[in-house]
Amino acid sequence: MIELKDVYKTYPNGVLAVNGISVKINQGEFVYVVGPSGAGKSTFIKMMYREEKPSKGTITINDINLAKLKESKVPYLRRNIGVVFQDFKLLPTLTVYENVAFALEVIQEQPKNIKRRVMDVLDLVRLKHKARFLPHELSGGEQQRVSIARSIVNNPKVMIADEPTGNLDPETSWEIMNIFEEINNRGTTIVMATHNREIVNTVRKRVIAIENGKIARDELRGEYGYDS
């Protein structure tokens, strides 16, 4: 479970990005985070994987208080949180297989387990046949699928996705959403920041709308609710 209690985030320049947010997200939920540009969505998302630290309040994920977590423990936290970015963040000199395997190698997983697990997740994202390709040999959608595979190879309980379809065409975006739904159906909690109105309004899930650093709406099977 993810829980934020009375969370504030003020940046050194004085900008109050998150203004007293309290919210619970249960295990297995699929939640969209929406809102205008500059509303505080990215800060809200980044605090969940400790890219940003709250100025006040508590953020708890699976009984770990991120606000008090020592920097040395952050890498261990992220082993249980998969993160997918808009710009993929793949290592350009490594193959598809190696990019995904890297996430297991850093935690010193057994080699026999690495091979099995990597091929399983590449099969899930339908890229088993491109395991030996380099990132530049793939389309944008394929690169994002590699990024998703890498984020779930550790079997995380939570996946955080920050505009995962932002750089993709509509058809590819739907392919990515189908994969996210499959991952969610297997029990992984997904929190996704998005500006994609069509996806939010078609694939109805819980919607948390953030405006001026506060939660403006929190609706089950909600709508996007903005013009852009």
Protein backbone atom coordinates (compact mmCIF):
# COMPACT_ATOMS: atom_id res chain seq x y z
CA MET A 1 0.00 0.00 0.00
CA ILE A 2 1.05 3.59 -0.68
CA GLU A 3 0.04 6.29 1.79
CA LEU A 4 0.82 10.00 1.86
CA LYS A 5 -0.10 11.94 5.01
CA ASP A 6 -0.14 15.74 4.99
CA VAL A 7 2.73 15.93 2.49
CA TYR A 8 4.31 19.24 1.47
CA LYS A 9 7.18 19.91 -0.91
CA THR A 10 8.80 23.32 -1.14
CA TYR A 11 11.76 23.78 -3.47
CA PRO A 12 14.77 25.98 -2.57
CA ASN A 13 13.47 28.71 -4.89
CA GLY A 14 10.33 28.95 -2.75
CA VAL A 15 7.95 27.13 -5.10
CA LEU A 16 5.37 25.10 -3.17
CA ALA A 17 4.87 22.12 -5.51
CA VAL A 18 2.88 19.86 -3.19
CA ASN A 19 0.56 21.49 -0.68
CA GLY A 20 -0.77 19.18 2.03
CA ILE A 21 -1.61 16.02 0.09
CA SER A 22 -3.06 13.00 1.91
CA VAL A 23 -4.03 9.92 -0.08
CA LYS A 24 -4.05 6.10 0.08
CA ILE A 25 -3.46 3.75 -2.85
CA ASN A 26 -4.16 0.08 -2.15
CA GLN A 27 -2.16 -2.89 -3.37
CA GLY A 28 -3.24 -3.89 -6.88
CA GLU A 29 -4.85 -0.57 -7.82
CA PHE A 30 -4.28 1.19 -11.15
CA VAL A 31 -4.26 4.97 -10.65
CA TYR A 32 -3.90 7.79 -13.17
CA VAL A 33 -2.41 11.06 -11.92
CA VAL A 34 -3.62 13.97 -14.06
CA GLY A 35 -3.64 17.75 -13.96
CA PRO A 36 -2.41 20.87 -15.76
CA SER A 37 1.28 21.41 -16.45
CA GLY A 38 3.02 22.75 -13.36
CA ALA A 39 0.31 21.46 -11.04
CA GLY A 40 2.66 19.26 -9.00
CA LYS A 41 2.16 15.87 -10.71
CA SER A 42 5.83 15.19 -11.38
CA THR A 43 6.83 16.09 -7.83
CA PHE A 44 4.05 13.86 -6.48
CA ILE A 45 5.31 10.97 -8.64
CA LYS A 46 9.02 11.55 -7.92
CA MET A 47 8.46 11.50 -4.17
CA MET A 48 7.08 7.96 -4.47
CA TYR A 49 10.44 6.60 -5.59
CA ARG A 50 12.47 9.10 -3.53
CA GLU A 51 13.79 11.14 -6.42
CA GLU A 52 12.40 14.00 -4.36
CA LYS A 53 12.04 14.15 -0.58
CA PRO A 54 9.02 15.76 1.11
CA SER A 55 9.60 18.94 3.09
CA LYS A 56 6.94 17.84 5.57
CA GLY A 57 4.68 14.84 6.09
CA THR A 58 5.10 11.09 5.62
CA ILE A 59 5.13 8.86 2.56
CA THR A 60 4.83 5.15 3.27
CA ILE A 61 5.25 2.40 0.68
CA ASN A 62 4.96 -1.18 1.91
CA ASP A 63 5.58 -0.05 5.50
CA ILE A 64 8.71 1.97 4.63
CA ASN A 65 8.64 5.69 5.51
CA LEU A 66 10.35 7.35 2.55
CA ALA A 67 10.62 10.69 4.34
CA LYS A 68 12.99 9.20 6.94
CA LEU A 69 14.78 6.73 4.67
CA LYS A 70 18.57 7.09 4.65
CA GLU A 71 20.14 7.80 1.26
CA SER A 72 22.10 4.54 1.52
CA LYS A 73 18.81 2.61 1.69
CA VAL A 74 17.19 4.24 -1.37
CA PRO A 75 18.66 1.69 -3.87
CA TYR A 76 17.10 -1.11 -1.81
CA LEU A 77 13.74 0.64 -1.85
CA ARG A 78 13.87 0.88 -5.64
CA ARG A 79 14.30 -2.86 -5.97
CA ASN A 80 10.63 -3.12 -5.00
CA ILE A 81 9.48 -0.18 -7.12
CA GLY A 82 9.59 -0.32 -10.91
CA VAL A 83 9.93 3.08 -12.61
CA VAL A 84 9.12 3.80 -16.27
CA PHE A 85 10.07 7.15 -17.77
CA GLN A 86 8.91 9.06 -20.86
CA ASP A 87 12.42 9.00 -22.35
CA PHE A 88 13.16 5.27 -21.77
CA LYS A 89 16.63 5.75 -20.15
CA LEU A 90 18.12 2.64 -21.77
CA LEU A 91 21.87 2.04 -21.84
CA PRO A 92 22.75 2.58 -25.53
CA THR A 93 25.70 0.17 -25.75
CA LEU A 94 23.84 -2.77 -24.18
CA THR A 95 21.47 -5.12 -26.00
CA VAL A 96 17.81 -5.45 -25.07
CA TYR A 97 18.65 -8.56 -23.04
CA GLU A 98 21.58 -6.84 -21.30
CA ASN A 99 19.54 -3.73 -20.45
CA VAL A 100 16.95 -5.86 -18.67
CA ALA A 101 19.48 -8.23 -17.10
CA PHE A 102 21.41 -5.28 -15.66
CA ALA A 103 18.64 -4.68 -13.11
CA LEU A 104 19.19 -8.20 -11.75
CA GLU A 105 22.97 -8.17 -11.98
CA VAL A 106 23.24 -5.15 -9.68
CA ILE A 107 21.45 -7.12 -6.94
CA GLN A 108 23.74 -10.12 -7.60
CA GLU A 109 21.00 -12.48 -8.72
CA GLN A 110 22.13 -15.99 -9.75
CA PRO A 111 23.00 -16.13 -13.49
CA LYS A 112 20.61 -19.05 -14.15
CA ASN A 113 17.76 -17.08 -12.59
CA ILE A 114 18.68 -13.97 -14.58
CA LYS A 115 18.36 -15.71 -17.93
CA ARG A 116 15.01 -17.28 -17.11
CA ARG A 117 13.53 -14.11 -15.65
CA VAL A 118 14.77 -11.80 -18.43
CA MET A 119 13.34 -14.04 -21.15
CA ASP A 120 10.04 -14.28 -19.25
CA VAL A 121 9.59 -10.51 -19.10
CA LEU A 122 10.74 -10.02 -22.71
CA ASP A 123 8.05 -12.53 -23.66
CA LEU A 124 5.49 -10.52 -21.68
CA VAL A 125 6.37 -7.31 -23.56
CA ARG A 126 6.56 -9.25 -26.85
CA LEU A 127 10.25 -8.59 -27.52
CA LYS A 128 11.81 -12.00 -27.01
CA HIS A 129 12.75 -12.07 -30.71
CA LYS A 130 14.75 -8.82 -30.33
CA ALA A 131 16.79 -9.77 -27.27
CA ARG A 132 20.10 -9.19 -29.11
CA PHE A 133 19.15 -5.85 -30.67
CA LEU A 134 20.64 -2.56 -29.50
CA PRO A 135 18.30 0.29 -28.46
CA HIS A 136 19.00 2.36 -31.60
CA GLU A 137 17.77 -0.57 -33.70
CA LEU A 138 14.33 -0.40 -32.08
CA SER A 139 11.31 1.84 -32.56
CA GLY A 140 10.24 4.22 -29.78
CA GLY A 141 7.47 1.83 -28.74
CA GLU A 142 9.88 -1.09 -28.60
CA GLN A 143 12.31 0.93 -26.49
CA GLN A 144 9.53 1.74 -24.06
CA ARG A 145 8.64 -1.95 -23.87
CA VAL A 146 12.26 -2.71 -22.95
CA SER A 147 12.03 -0.04 -20.26
CA ILE A 148 8.88 -1.70 -18.90
CA ALA A 149 10.55 -5.12 -18.96
CA ARG A 150 13.50 -3.74 -17.02
CA SER A 151 11.19 -2.13 -14.45
CA ILE A 152 9.30 -5.38 -13.70
CA VAL A 153 12.14 -7.91 -13.89
CA ASN A 154 12.58 -7.71 -10.08
CA ASN A 155 8.87 -8.51 -9.55
CA PRO A 156 8.16 -5.14 -7.89
CA LYS A 157 4.95 -4.67 -5.93
CA VAL A 158 4.63 -1.11 -7.24
CA MET A 159 5.22 0.44 -10.66
CA ILE A 160 5.52 4.20 -11.10
CA ALA A 161 5.12 5.45 -14.69
CA ASP A 162 5.84 9.10 -15.53
CA GLU A 163 4.23 9.98 -18.89
CA PRO A 164 5.10 6.55 -20.38
CA THR A 165 3.24 7.22 -23.64
CA GLY A 166 4.28 10.88 -23.95
CA ASN A 167 6.73 10.29 -26.83
CA LEU A 168 4.68 7.64 -28.64
CA ASP A 169 2.11 7.67 -31.43
CA PRO A 170 -1.50 6.70 -30.58
CA GLU A 171 -1.32 3.11 -31.86
CA THR A 172 1.91 2.41 -29.97
CA SER A 173 0.47 4.07 -26.86
CA TRP A 174 -2.37 1.56 -26.85
CA GLU A 175 0.10 -1.33 -27.16
CA ILE A 176 1.93 0.00 -24.11
CA MET A 177 -1.34 0.38 -22.17
CA ASN A 178 -2.27 -3.23 -22.92
CA ILE A 179 1.02 -4.31 -21.35
CA PHE A 180 0.41 -2.13 -18.28
CA GLU A 181 -3.03 -3.66 -17.87
CA GLU A 182 -1.57 -7.15 -18.05
CA ILE A 183 1.03 -6.26 -15.41
CA ASN A 184 -1.69 -4.77 -13.19
CA ASN A 185 -3.84 -7.88 -13.62
CA ARG A 186 -0.94 -9.88 -12.16
CA GLY A 187 -1.20 -7.87 -8.94
CA THR A 188 1.27 -5.00 -9.38
CA THR A 189 0.09 -1.57 -8.21
CA ILE A 190 0.46 1.00 -11.00
CA VAL A 191 0.57 4.77 -10.53
CA MET A 192 0.75 6.57 -13.88
CA ALA A 193 1.11 10.31 -14.51
CA THR A 194 -0.32 11.10 -17.92
CA HIS A 195 -1.62 13.84 -20.22
CA ASN A 196 -3.29 11.29 -22.52
CA ARG A 197 -6.99 12.17 -22.32
CA GLU A 198 -8.10 9.39 -24.69
CA ILE A 199 -6.44 6.63 -22.66
CA VAL A 200 -7.80 7.91 -19.32
CA ASN A 201 -11.32 8.29 -20.70
CA THR A 202 -11.30 4.90 -22.45
CA VAL A 203 -9.48 2.66 -19.97
CA ARG A 204 -11.38 3.75 -16.88
CA LYS A 205 -9.40 3.54 -13.66
CA ARG A 206 -9.08 5.60 -10.50
CA VAL A 207 -8.14 9.20 -11.33
CA ILE A 208 -6.31 11.53 -8.94
CA ALA A 209 -6.30 15.08 -10.30
CA ILE A 210 -3.72 17.50 -8.90
CA GLU A 211 -4.09 21.26 -9.19
CA ASN A 212 -1.93 23.87 -7.46
CA GLY A 213 -0.22 21.15 -5.45
CA LYS A 214 -3.47 19.79 -4.01
CA ILE A 215 -5.80 16.91 -4.86
CA ALA A 216 -8.70 18.47 -6.74
CA ARG A 217 -10.45 15.18 -7.58
CA ASP A 218 -10.10 11.54 -6.55
CA GLU A 219 -12.57 9.38 -8.46
CA LEU A 220 -12.97 5.68 -9.12
CA ARG A 221 -13.41 5.12 -12.88
CA GLY A 222 -12.85 8.84 -13.35
CA GLU A 223 -12.34 10.97 -16.44
CA TYR A 224 -9.40 13.08 -17.57
CA GLY A 225 -11.33 16.32 -17.12
CA TYR A 226 -9.02 18.80 -18.90
CA ASP A 227 -8.95 20.29 -22.38
CA SER A 228 -5.26 19.53 -22.94
